[in-house]
C-alpha atoms as a PDB file:
ATOM      1  CA  MET A   1       2.647-199.669 -53.613  1.00  0.00           C
ATOM      2  CA  GLU A   2       3.750-199.943 -57.198  1.00  0.00           C
ATOM      3  CA  ASP A   3       7.380-200.550 -56.248  1.00  0.00           C
ATOM      4  CA  SER A   4       6.515-203.403 -53.925  1.00  0.00           C
ATOM      5  CA  ALA A   5       4.300-204.988 -56.614  1.00  0.00           C
ATOM      6  CA  LYS A   6       7.146-204.711 -59.140  1.00  0.00           C
ATOM      7  CA  GLU A   7       9.592-206.135 -56.616  1.00  0.00           C
ATOM      8  CA  ARG A   8       7.223-209.008 -55.874  1.00  0.00           C
ATOM      9  CA  VAL A   9       6.797-209.727 -59.594  1.00  0.00           C
ATOM     10  CA  MET A  10      10.583-209.603 -60.093  1.00  0.00           C
ATOM     11  CA  ARG A  11      11.097-211.919 -57.096  1.00  0.00           C
ATOM     12  CA  TYR A  12       8.586-214.418 -58.528  1.00  0.00           C
ATOM     13  CA  PHE A  13      10.213-214.132 -61.941  1.00  0.00           C
ATOM     14  CA  TRP A  14      13.710-214.869 -60.586  1.00  0.00           C
ATOM     15  CA  ARG A  15      12.460-217.690 -58.364  1.00  0.00           C
ATOM     16  CA  GLY A  16      10.600-219.205 -61.310  1.00  0.00           C
ATOM     17  CA  LEU A  17      13.661-218.852 -63.526  1.00  0.00           C
ATOM     18  CA  ILE A  18      15.903-220.484 -60.911  1.00  0.00           C
ATOM     19  CA  ILE A  19      13.419-223.345 -60.419  1.00  0.00           C
ATOM     20  CA  ALA A  20      13.134-223.845 -64.197  1.00  0.00           C
ATOM     21  CA  LEU A  21      16.936-223.899 -64.555  1.00  0.00           C
ATOM     22  CA  ALA A  22      17.243-226.351 -61.656  1.00  0.00           C
ATOM     23  CA  ILE A  23      14.655-228.689 -63.211  1.00  0.00           C
ATOM     24  CA  TYR A  24      16.364-228.416 -66.594  1.00  0.00           C
ATOM     25  CA  THR A  25      19.742-229.193 -65.001  1.00  0.00           C
ATOM     26  CA  VAL A  26      18.356-232.260 -63.203  1.00  0.00           C
ATOM     27  CA  VAL A  27      16.723-233.549 -66.400  1.00  0.00           C
ATOM     28  CA  VAL A  28      19.932-233.069 -68.397  1.00  0.00           C
ATOM     29  CA  CYS A  29      22.010-234.780 -65.687  1.00  0.00           C
ATOM     30  CA  ILE A  30      19.654-237.763 -65.506  1.00  0.00           C
ATOM     31  CA  SER A  31      19.645-238.037 -69.288  1.00  0.00           C
ATOM     32  CA  THR A  32      23.440-237.902 -69.405  1.00  0.00           C
ATOM     33  CA  VAL A  33      23.826-240.530 -66.684  1.00  0.00           C
ATOM     34  CA  TRP A  34      21.358-242.776 -68.533  1.00  0.00           C
ATOM     35  CA  LYS A  35      23.290-242.401 -71.794  1.00  0.00           C
ATOM     36  CA  ILE A  36      26.602-243.113 -70.058  1.00  0.00           C
ATOM     37  CA  THR A  37      25.160-246.249 -68.423  1.00  0.00           C
ATOM     38  CA  ARG A  38      23.668-247.457 -71.693  1.00  0.00           C
ATOM     39  CA  THR A  39      26.965-246.821 -73.488  1.00  0.00           C
ATOM     40  CA  HIS A  40      28.852-248.741 -70.790  1.00  0.00           C
ATOM     41  CA  PHE A  41      26.617-251.801 -71.210  1.00  0.00           C
ATOM     42  CA  ARG A  42      26.841-251.569 -75.000  1.00  0.00           C
ATOM     43  CA  LYS A  43      30.639-251.363 -74.739  1.00  0.00           C
ATOM     44  CA  ALA A  44      30.673-254.560 -72.648  1.00  0.00           C
ATOM     45  CA  GLU A  45      28.489-256.332 -75.231  1.00  0.00           C
ATOM     46  CA  VAL A  46      30.728-255.237 -78.094  1.00  0.00           C
ATOM     47  CA  LYS A  47      33.847-256.306 -76.175  1.00  0.00           C
ATOM     48  CA  HIS A  48      32.343-259.763 -75.599  1.00  0.00           C
ATOM     49  CA  HIS A  49      31.404-259.991 -79.292  1.00  0.00           C
ATOM     50  CA  ILE A  50      34.953-259.031 -80.314  1.00  0.00           C
ATOM     51  CA  GLU A  51      36.400-261.736 -78.047  1.00  0.00           C
ATOM     52  CA  ARG A  52      34.124-264.362 -79.618  1.00  0.00           C
ATOM     53  CA  LEU A  53      35.086-263.244 -83.123  1.00  0.00           C
ATOM     54  CA  GLU A  54      38.792-263.296 -82.265  1.00  0.00           C
ATOM     55  CA  ALA A  55      38.432-266.856 -80.943  1.00  0.00           C
ATOM     56  CA  LYS A  56      36.633-267.841 -84.156  1.00  0.00           C
ATOM     57  CA  ILE A  57      39.380-266.217 -86.227  1.00  0.00           C
ATOM     58  CA  ALA A  58      41.992-268.225 -84.304  1.00  0.00           C
ATOM     59  CA  ARG A  59      40.090-271.501 -84.916  1.00  0.00           C
ATOM     60  CA  ASP A  60      39.618-270.680 -88.598  1.00  0.00           C
ATOM     61  CA  SER A  61      43.293-269.753 -88.987  1.00  0.00           C
ATOM     62  CA  ILE A  62      44.329-273.128 -87.560  1.00  0.00           C
ATOM     63  CA  PHE A  63      41.864-274.852 -89.881  1.00  0.00           C
ATOM     64  CA  ILE A  64      43.194-272.976 -92.933  1.00  0.00           C
ATOM     65  CA  GLU A  65      46.760-273.810 -91.962  1.00  0.00           C
ATOM     66  CA  GLN A  66      45.870-277.511 -91.654  1.00  0.00           C
ATOM     67  CA  ILE A  67      44.119-277.557 -95.029  1.00  0.00           C
ATOM     68  CA  GLN A  68      47.033-275.808 -96.738  1.00  0.00           C
ATOM     69  CA  ASN A  69      49.805-277.890 -95.174  1.00  0.00           C
ATOM     70  CA  SER A  70      48.323-281.354 -94.644  1.00  0.00           C
ATOM     71  CA  PRO A  71      47.041-283.302 -97.655  1.00  0.00           C
ATOM     72  CA  ASP A  72      45.731-286.017 -95.327  1.00  0.00           C
ATOM     73  CA  PHE A  73      43.635-283.498 -93.413  1.00  0.00           C
ATOM     74  CA  LEU A  74      42.346-281.996 -96.672  1.00  0.00           C
ATOM     75  CA  GLU A  75      41.329-285.437 -97.925  1.00  0.00           C
ATOM     76  CA  GLN A  76      39.627-286.293 -94.629  1.00  0.00           C
ATOM     77  CA  PHE A  77      37.765-282.976 -94.649  1.00  0.00           C
ATOM     78  CA  ALA A  78      36.638-283.409 -98.277  1.00  0.00           C
ATOM     79  CA  ARG A  79      35.422-286.940 -97.602  1.00  0.00           C
ATOM     80  CA  GLU A  80      33.492-285.943 -94.467  1.00  0.00           C
ATOM     81  CA  GLN A  81      31.998-282.674 -95.624  1.00  0.00           C
ATOM     82  CA  TYR A  82      31.409-283.262 -99.326  1.00  0.00           C
ATOM     83  CA  HIS A  83      31.006-287.075 -99.334  1.00  0.00           C
ATOM     84  CA  MET A  84      33.824-287.448-101.841  1.00  0.00           C
ATOM     85  CA  GLN A  85      35.194-290.841-102.730  1.00  0.00           C
ATOM     86  CA  ARG A  86      37.882-292.408-104.825  1.00  0.00           C
ATOM     87  CA  SER A  87      36.903-294.223-107.995  1.00  0.00           C
ATOM     88  CA  GLY A  88      35.839-297.807-107.354  1.00  0.00           C
ATOM     89  CA  GLU A  89      35.260-297.080-103.677  1.00  0.00           C
ATOM     90  CA  THR A  90      31.891-297.517-101.975  1.00  0.00           C
ATOM     91  CA  VAL A  91      30.987-295.003 -99.281  1.00  0.00           C
ATOM     92  CA  TYR A  92      28.242-295.512 -96.746  1.00  0.00           C
ATOM     93  CA  ILE A  93      26.870-292.389 -95.125  1.00  0.00           C
ATOM     94  CA  LEU A  94      25.657-292.771 -91.570  1.00  0.00           C
ATOM     95  CA  GLU A  95      23.519-289.944 -90.336  1.00  0.00           C
ATOM     96  CA  GLU A  96      23.293-289.199 -86.648  1.00  0.00           C
END
C-alpha cells in the first residue's frame, strides 16, 4: 500500500511539474510575442520619424545653400523675417 501511495504522489508531482512548466512556457512565449510586436511597431514609428527628419534636413540644406550663394535671396529673407529695411525706406507690414 505504501508503494502505491508513493507512486501516486510521484505521479501527481510529475504531472504538476509538467503542467507548471507548460504554463510557464506559454506565458514566456506570449510575453516574447508581445515584445516582438511592440518592437516592430516602434521600429516603424522610428523609421517614419527618420524619413521626416531626412526630408527636413534636405529642405534646410537647400535653404542654407541659397542663403550662402544668393545675396538677393538673403536680402529677401532678412526683409521678410526680420522686417529689415534700407535707410530712408518706409516698410509697411501686412499681417495675415
